[in-house]
Structures are given as structure tokens and as C-alpha cells.
N, C-alpha and C. Protein backbone atom coordinates (compact mmCIF):
# COMPACT_ATOMS: atom_id res chain seq x y z
N UNK A 1 -13.77 0.33 26.79
CA UNK A 1 -14.42 -0.46 25.77
C UNK A 1 -13.39 -1.28 24.99
N UNK A 2 -12.28 -0.62 24.58
CA UNK A 2 -11.25 -1.32 23.81
C UNK A 2 -10.67 -2.48 24.59
N UNK A 3 -10.37 -2.27 25.87
CA UNK A 3 -9.79 -3.35 26.67
C UNK A 3 -10.76 -4.53 26.76
N UNK A 4 -12.06 -4.24 26.86
CA UNK A 4 -13.05 -5.31 26.89
C UNK A 4 -13.07 -6.06 25.56
N UNK A 5 -13.05 -5.32 24.44
CA UNK A 5 -13.05 -5.95 23.12
C UNK A 5 -11.81 -6.80 22.90
N UNK A 6 -10.66 -6.27 23.32
CA UNK A 6 -9.40 -7.00 23.14
C UNK A 6 -9.41 -8.29 23.96
N UNK A 7 -10.08 -8.27 25.10
CA UNK A 7 -10.11 -9.45 25.97
C UNK A 7 -11.04 -10.54 25.45
N UNK A 8 -11.93 -10.20 24.52
CA UNK A 8 -12.88 -11.18 23.98
C UNK A 8 -12.19 -12.18 23.07
N UNK A 9 -12.65 -13.43 23.08
CA UNK A 9 -12.19 -14.37 22.06
C UNK A 9 -12.62 -13.86 20.68
N UNK A 10 -11.88 -14.20 19.65
CA UNK A 10 -12.15 -13.71 18.30
C UNK A 10 -13.58 -13.97 17.86
N UNK A 11 -14.13 -15.13 18.21
CA UNK A 11 -15.50 -15.46 17.80
C UNK A 11 -16.51 -14.50 18.42
N UNK A 12 -16.28 -14.12 19.67
CA UNK A 12 -17.19 -13.21 20.37
C UNK A 12 -17.08 -11.80 19.80
N UNK A 13 -15.85 -11.35 19.53
CA UNK A 13 -15.65 -10.01 18.97
C UNK A 13 -16.33 -9.92 17.60
N UNK A 14 -16.27 -11.01 16.84
CA UNK A 14 -16.88 -11.03 15.51
C UNK A 14 -18.40 -10.90 15.57
N UNK A 15 -18.99 -11.21 16.70
CA UNK A 15 -20.44 -11.09 16.86
C UNK A 15 -20.88 -9.65 17.07
N UNK A 16 -19.98 -8.81 17.60
CA UNK A 16 -20.36 -7.42 17.90
C UNK A 16 -19.70 -6.38 17.01
N UNK A 17 -18.70 -6.80 16.22
CA UNK A 17 -17.99 -5.86 15.35
C UNK A 17 -18.14 -6.30 13.89
N UNK A 18 -18.15 -5.32 12.98
CA UNK A 18 -18.14 -5.68 11.57
C UNK A 18 -16.70 -5.97 11.14
N UNK A 19 -16.53 -6.37 9.89
CA UNK A 19 -15.20 -6.78 9.40
C UNK A 19 -14.16 -5.68 9.54
N UNK A 20 -14.52 -4.46 9.18
CA UNK A 20 -13.57 -3.35 9.26
C UNK A 20 -13.21 -3.05 10.71
N UNK A 21 -14.19 -3.08 11.60
CA UNK A 21 -13.92 -2.83 13.02
C UNK A 21 -13.01 -3.91 13.60
N UNK A 22 -13.22 -5.16 13.21
CA UNK A 22 -12.33 -6.25 13.65
C UNK A 22 -10.91 -6.01 13.18
N UNK A 23 -10.78 -5.62 11.91
CA UNK A 23 -9.46 -5.34 11.35
C UNK A 23 -8.80 -4.19 12.10
N UNK A 24 -9.56 -3.14 12.40
CA UNK A 24 -9.02 -1.99 13.13
C UNK A 24 -8.61 -2.38 14.55
N UNK A 25 -9.38 -3.26 15.18
CA UNK A 25 -9.05 -3.72 16.52
C UNK A 25 -7.73 -4.48 16.52
N UNK A 26 -7.54 -5.32 15.50
CA UNK A 26 -6.34 -6.13 15.42
C UNK A 26 -5.11 -5.36 14.95
N UNK A 27 -5.28 -4.48 13.95
CA UNK A 27 -4.13 -3.82 13.33
C UNK A 27 -4.06 -2.31 13.55
N UNK A 28 -5.09 -1.73 14.13
CA UNK A 28 -5.15 -0.28 14.29
C UNK A 28 -5.96 0.35 13.16
N UNK A 29 -6.59 1.47 13.45
CA UNK A 29 -7.42 2.14 12.45
C UNK A 29 -6.55 2.69 11.33
N UNK A 30 -7.01 2.53 10.10
CA UNK A 30 -6.26 2.99 8.93
C UNK A 30 -7.20 3.52 7.87
N UNK A 31 -6.70 4.43 7.08
CA UNK A 31 -7.44 4.86 5.89
C UNK A 31 -7.16 3.84 4.80
N UNK A 32 -8.15 3.63 3.96
CA UNK A 32 -8.00 2.69 2.85
C UNK A 32 -8.24 3.43 1.55
N UNK A 33 -7.72 2.89 0.48
CA UNK A 33 -7.92 3.53 -0.83
C UNK A 33 -9.39 3.54 -1.23
N UNK A 34 -10.20 2.73 -0.59
CA UNK A 34 -11.63 2.72 -0.89
C UNK A 34 -12.39 3.78 -0.10
N UNK A 35 -11.71 4.51 0.79
CA UNK A 35 -12.34 5.57 1.58
C UNK A 35 -12.42 6.86 0.78
N UNK A 36 -13.08 6.80 -0.37
CA UNK A 36 -13.10 7.94 -1.28
C UNK A 36 -13.95 9.11 -0.78
N UNK A 37 -14.63 8.94 0.33
CA UNK A 37 -15.34 10.07 0.93
C UNK A 37 -14.36 11.02 1.62
N UNK A 38 -13.11 10.57 1.83
CA UNK A 38 -12.06 11.41 2.42
C UNK A 38 -11.30 12.12 1.31
N UNK A 39 -11.13 13.42 1.46
CA UNK A 39 -10.47 14.20 0.41
C UNK A 39 -9.07 13.70 0.09
N UNK A 40 -8.29 13.37 1.11
CA UNK A 40 -6.90 12.95 0.88
C UNK A 40 -6.84 11.62 0.12
N UNK A 41 -7.85 10.78 0.23
CA UNK A 41 -7.90 9.53 -0.53
C UNK A 41 -8.41 9.81 -1.94
N UNK A 42 -9.43 10.61 -2.04
CA UNK A 42 -10.01 10.96 -3.34
C UNK A 42 -8.98 11.62 -4.25
N UNK A 43 -8.03 12.38 -3.66
CA UNK A 43 -7.02 13.10 -4.44
C UNK A 43 -5.80 12.24 -4.82
N UNK A 44 -5.73 11.01 -4.35
CA UNK A 44 -4.57 10.17 -4.62
C UNK A 44 -4.23 10.03 -6.11
N UNK A 45 -5.19 9.80 -6.99
CA UNK A 45 -4.83 9.64 -8.40
C UNK A 45 -4.11 10.85 -8.99
N UNK A 46 -4.37 12.03 -8.49
CA UNK A 46 -3.67 13.21 -9.01
C UNK A 46 -2.40 13.51 -8.23
N UNK A 47 -2.35 13.09 -6.97
CA UNK A 47 -1.21 13.43 -6.12
C UNK A 47 -0.07 12.41 -6.18
N UNK A 48 -0.39 11.13 -6.31
CA UNK A 48 0.66 10.10 -6.29
C UNK A 48 1.69 10.24 -7.40
N UNK A 49 1.29 10.49 -8.65
CA UNK A 49 2.32 10.64 -9.69
C UNK A 49 3.30 11.77 -9.36
N UNK A 50 2.82 12.86 -8.82
CA UNK A 50 3.69 13.98 -8.43
C UNK A 50 4.63 13.55 -7.31
N UNK A 51 4.07 12.89 -6.29
CA UNK A 51 4.89 12.44 -5.16
C UNK A 51 5.98 11.46 -5.60
N UNK A 52 5.62 10.50 -6.47
CA UNK A 52 6.60 9.53 -6.93
C UNK A 52 7.65 10.18 -7.83
N UNK A 53 7.25 11.11 -8.67
CA UNK A 53 8.21 11.82 -9.53
C UNK A 53 9.20 12.61 -8.67
N UNK A 54 8.69 13.28 -7.64
CA UNK A 54 9.57 14.04 -6.75
C UNK A 54 10.51 13.11 -5.98
N UNK A 55 10.01 11.95 -5.55
CA UNK A 55 10.85 10.99 -4.84
C UNK A 55 11.94 10.46 -5.76
N UNK A 56 11.60 10.18 -7.02
CA UNK A 56 12.59 9.71 -7.98
C UNK A 56 13.66 10.77 -8.24
N UNK A 57 13.23 12.03 -8.35
CA UNK A 57 14.19 13.12 -8.55
C UNK A 57 15.14 13.21 -7.37
N UNK A 58 14.60 13.16 -6.15
CA UNK A 58 15.45 13.24 -4.95
C UNK A 58 16.40 12.05 -4.87
N UNK A 59 15.93 10.88 -5.26
CA UNK A 59 16.79 9.69 -5.24
C UNK A 59 17.94 9.84 -6.23
N UNK A 60 17.62 10.33 -7.44
CA UNK A 60 18.68 10.57 -8.44
C UNK A 60 19.70 11.58 -7.92
N UNK A 61 19.20 12.67 -7.33
CA UNK A 61 20.09 13.71 -6.80
C UNK A 61 20.96 13.17 -5.67
N UNK A 62 20.48 12.16 -4.96
CA UNK A 62 21.25 11.56 -3.86
C UNK A 62 22.20 10.48 -4.37
N UNK A 63 22.16 10.21 -5.68
CA UNK A 63 23.09 9.25 -6.25
C UNK A 63 22.55 7.86 -6.48
N UNK A 64 21.27 7.64 -6.25
CA UNK A 64 20.68 6.33 -6.50
C UNK A 64 20.43 6.15 -7.99
N UNK A 65 20.65 4.93 -8.47
CA UNK A 65 20.32 4.59 -9.85
C UNK A 65 18.87 4.13 -9.84
N UNK A 66 17.97 5.07 -10.09
CA UNK A 66 16.54 4.82 -9.97
C UNK A 66 16.09 3.69 -10.88
N UNK A 67 16.54 3.69 -12.13
CA UNK A 67 16.10 2.65 -13.06
C UNK A 67 16.60 1.29 -12.65
N UNK A 68 17.81 1.22 -12.10
CA UNK A 68 18.33 -0.05 -11.62
C UNK A 68 17.48 -0.55 -10.46
N UNK A 69 17.06 0.33 -9.57
CA UNK A 69 16.19 -0.06 -8.44
C UNK A 69 14.86 -0.59 -8.96
N UNK A 70 14.29 0.08 -9.96
CA UNK A 70 13.01 -0.37 -10.52
C UNK A 70 13.20 -1.74 -11.16
N UNK A 71 14.31 -1.90 -11.89
CA UNK A 71 14.58 -3.17 -12.55
C UNK A 71 14.74 -4.29 -11.52
N UNK A 72 15.46 -4.02 -10.43
CA UNK A 72 15.63 -5.02 -9.37
C UNK A 72 14.31 -5.36 -8.73
N UNK A 73 13.47 -4.37 -8.49
CA UNK A 73 12.15 -4.61 -7.91
C UNK A 73 11.33 -5.48 -8.84
N UNK A 74 11.36 -5.17 -10.13
CA UNK A 74 10.62 -5.96 -11.11
C UNK A 74 11.12 -7.39 -11.12
N UNK A 75 12.44 -7.57 -11.08
CA UNK A 75 13.02 -8.91 -11.10
C UNK A 75 12.61 -9.68 -9.85
N UNK A 76 12.69 -9.04 -8.68
CA UNK A 76 12.29 -9.70 -7.44
C UNK A 76 10.81 -10.07 -7.47
N UNK A 77 9.97 -9.15 -7.96
CA UNK A 77 8.53 -9.41 -8.03
C UNK A 77 8.27 -10.59 -8.96
N UNK A 78 8.93 -10.58 -10.11
CA UNK A 78 8.73 -11.64 -11.10
C UNK A 78 9.11 -13.00 -10.52
N UNK A 79 10.21 -13.05 -9.77
CA UNK A 79 10.63 -14.33 -9.18
C UNK A 79 9.74 -14.73 -8.01
N UNK A 80 9.15 -13.76 -7.33
CA UNK A 80 8.26 -14.06 -6.21
C UNK A 80 6.90 -14.55 -6.68
N UNK A 81 6.48 -14.08 -7.85
CA UNK A 81 5.15 -14.42 -8.38
C UNK A 81 5.27 -14.93 -9.80
N UNK A 82 5.85 -16.13 -9.98
CA UNK A 82 6.03 -16.64 -11.34
C UNK A 82 4.69 -16.77 -12.06
N UNK A 83 4.71 -16.47 -13.33
CA UNK A 83 3.50 -16.57 -14.14
C UNK A 83 2.68 -15.29 -14.14
N UNK A 84 2.96 -14.36 -13.24
CA UNK A 84 2.23 -13.09 -13.20
C UNK A 84 2.93 -12.11 -14.13
N UNK A 85 2.19 -11.18 -14.66
CA UNK A 85 2.77 -10.19 -15.57
C UNK A 85 2.45 -8.78 -15.09
N UNK A 86 3.27 -7.85 -15.51
CA UNK A 86 3.05 -6.43 -15.23
C UNK A 86 2.48 -5.77 -16.47
N UNK A 87 1.84 -4.63 -16.26
CA UNK A 87 1.35 -3.86 -17.40
C UNK A 87 2.54 -3.33 -18.21
N UNK A 88 3.58 -2.89 -17.50
CA UNK A 88 4.80 -2.45 -18.17
C UNK A 88 5.98 -2.93 -17.35
N UNK A 89 7.10 -3.08 -17.97
CA UNK A 89 8.32 -3.46 -17.26
C UNK A 89 9.20 -2.23 -17.14
N UNK A 90 10.22 -2.31 -16.32
CA UNK A 90 11.14 -1.19 -16.16
C UNK A 90 11.77 -0.82 -17.49
N UNK A 91 12.09 -1.81 -18.32
CA UNK A 91 12.70 -1.54 -19.62
C UNK A 91 11.73 -0.79 -20.53
N UNK A 92 10.45 -1.19 -20.52
CA UNK A 92 9.45 -0.51 -21.34
C UNK A 92 9.23 0.91 -20.87
N UNK A 93 9.29 1.14 -19.57
CA UNK A 93 9.07 2.46 -19.02
C UNK A 93 10.20 3.41 -19.33
N UNK A 94 11.38 2.86 -19.54
CA UNK A 94 12.56 3.67 -19.82
C UNK A 94 12.43 4.23 -21.17
């Protein structure tokens, strides 16, 4: 079935697949943050802060200047998207 779908022109595939199925055909099946019926997605708001805090701790222990990395990321983001603002900056978070 997949080989048949892949061989179809995009217009034909769009006639038999919905938007998500088309995306999965092109990029591979993925979980999305909107898949809140899945436990691992539903738990993200409570799990991500812990995961990021642990990653930051490990980075510090490995010798990375975590705040400098955040500041550089903020600077790169700001220059990539002029006129856009963040809720907080690295300096405010410090």
C-alpha cells in the first residue's frame, strides 16, 4: 500500500489521504503535541521542566556555561526574527 501511495502524484494522494496522513507519508509518522490522548504527550507539561532542569545540570557538570548558551540562543533568535519578542530573556531568567 505504501509503495502505491508513494508512487502517486501529490494531487492524487491528496484525494485519498487526509492532511495528517499526507504529512506522515512524506515525513514519517510522528507524535504531535496535540496528541493529548497519548499519555506521554499529556504528561509533557509536568515532565519537560524536569527533563530540561536535569539537562542543564548535566551540562553545567560537563563544564558548559548554560547561561551563556541561553544568551547566545536568544541573540541568534532575535537576529533571525527581528521585531519578535520573548516572554522572558536569558537575563531576566537569571
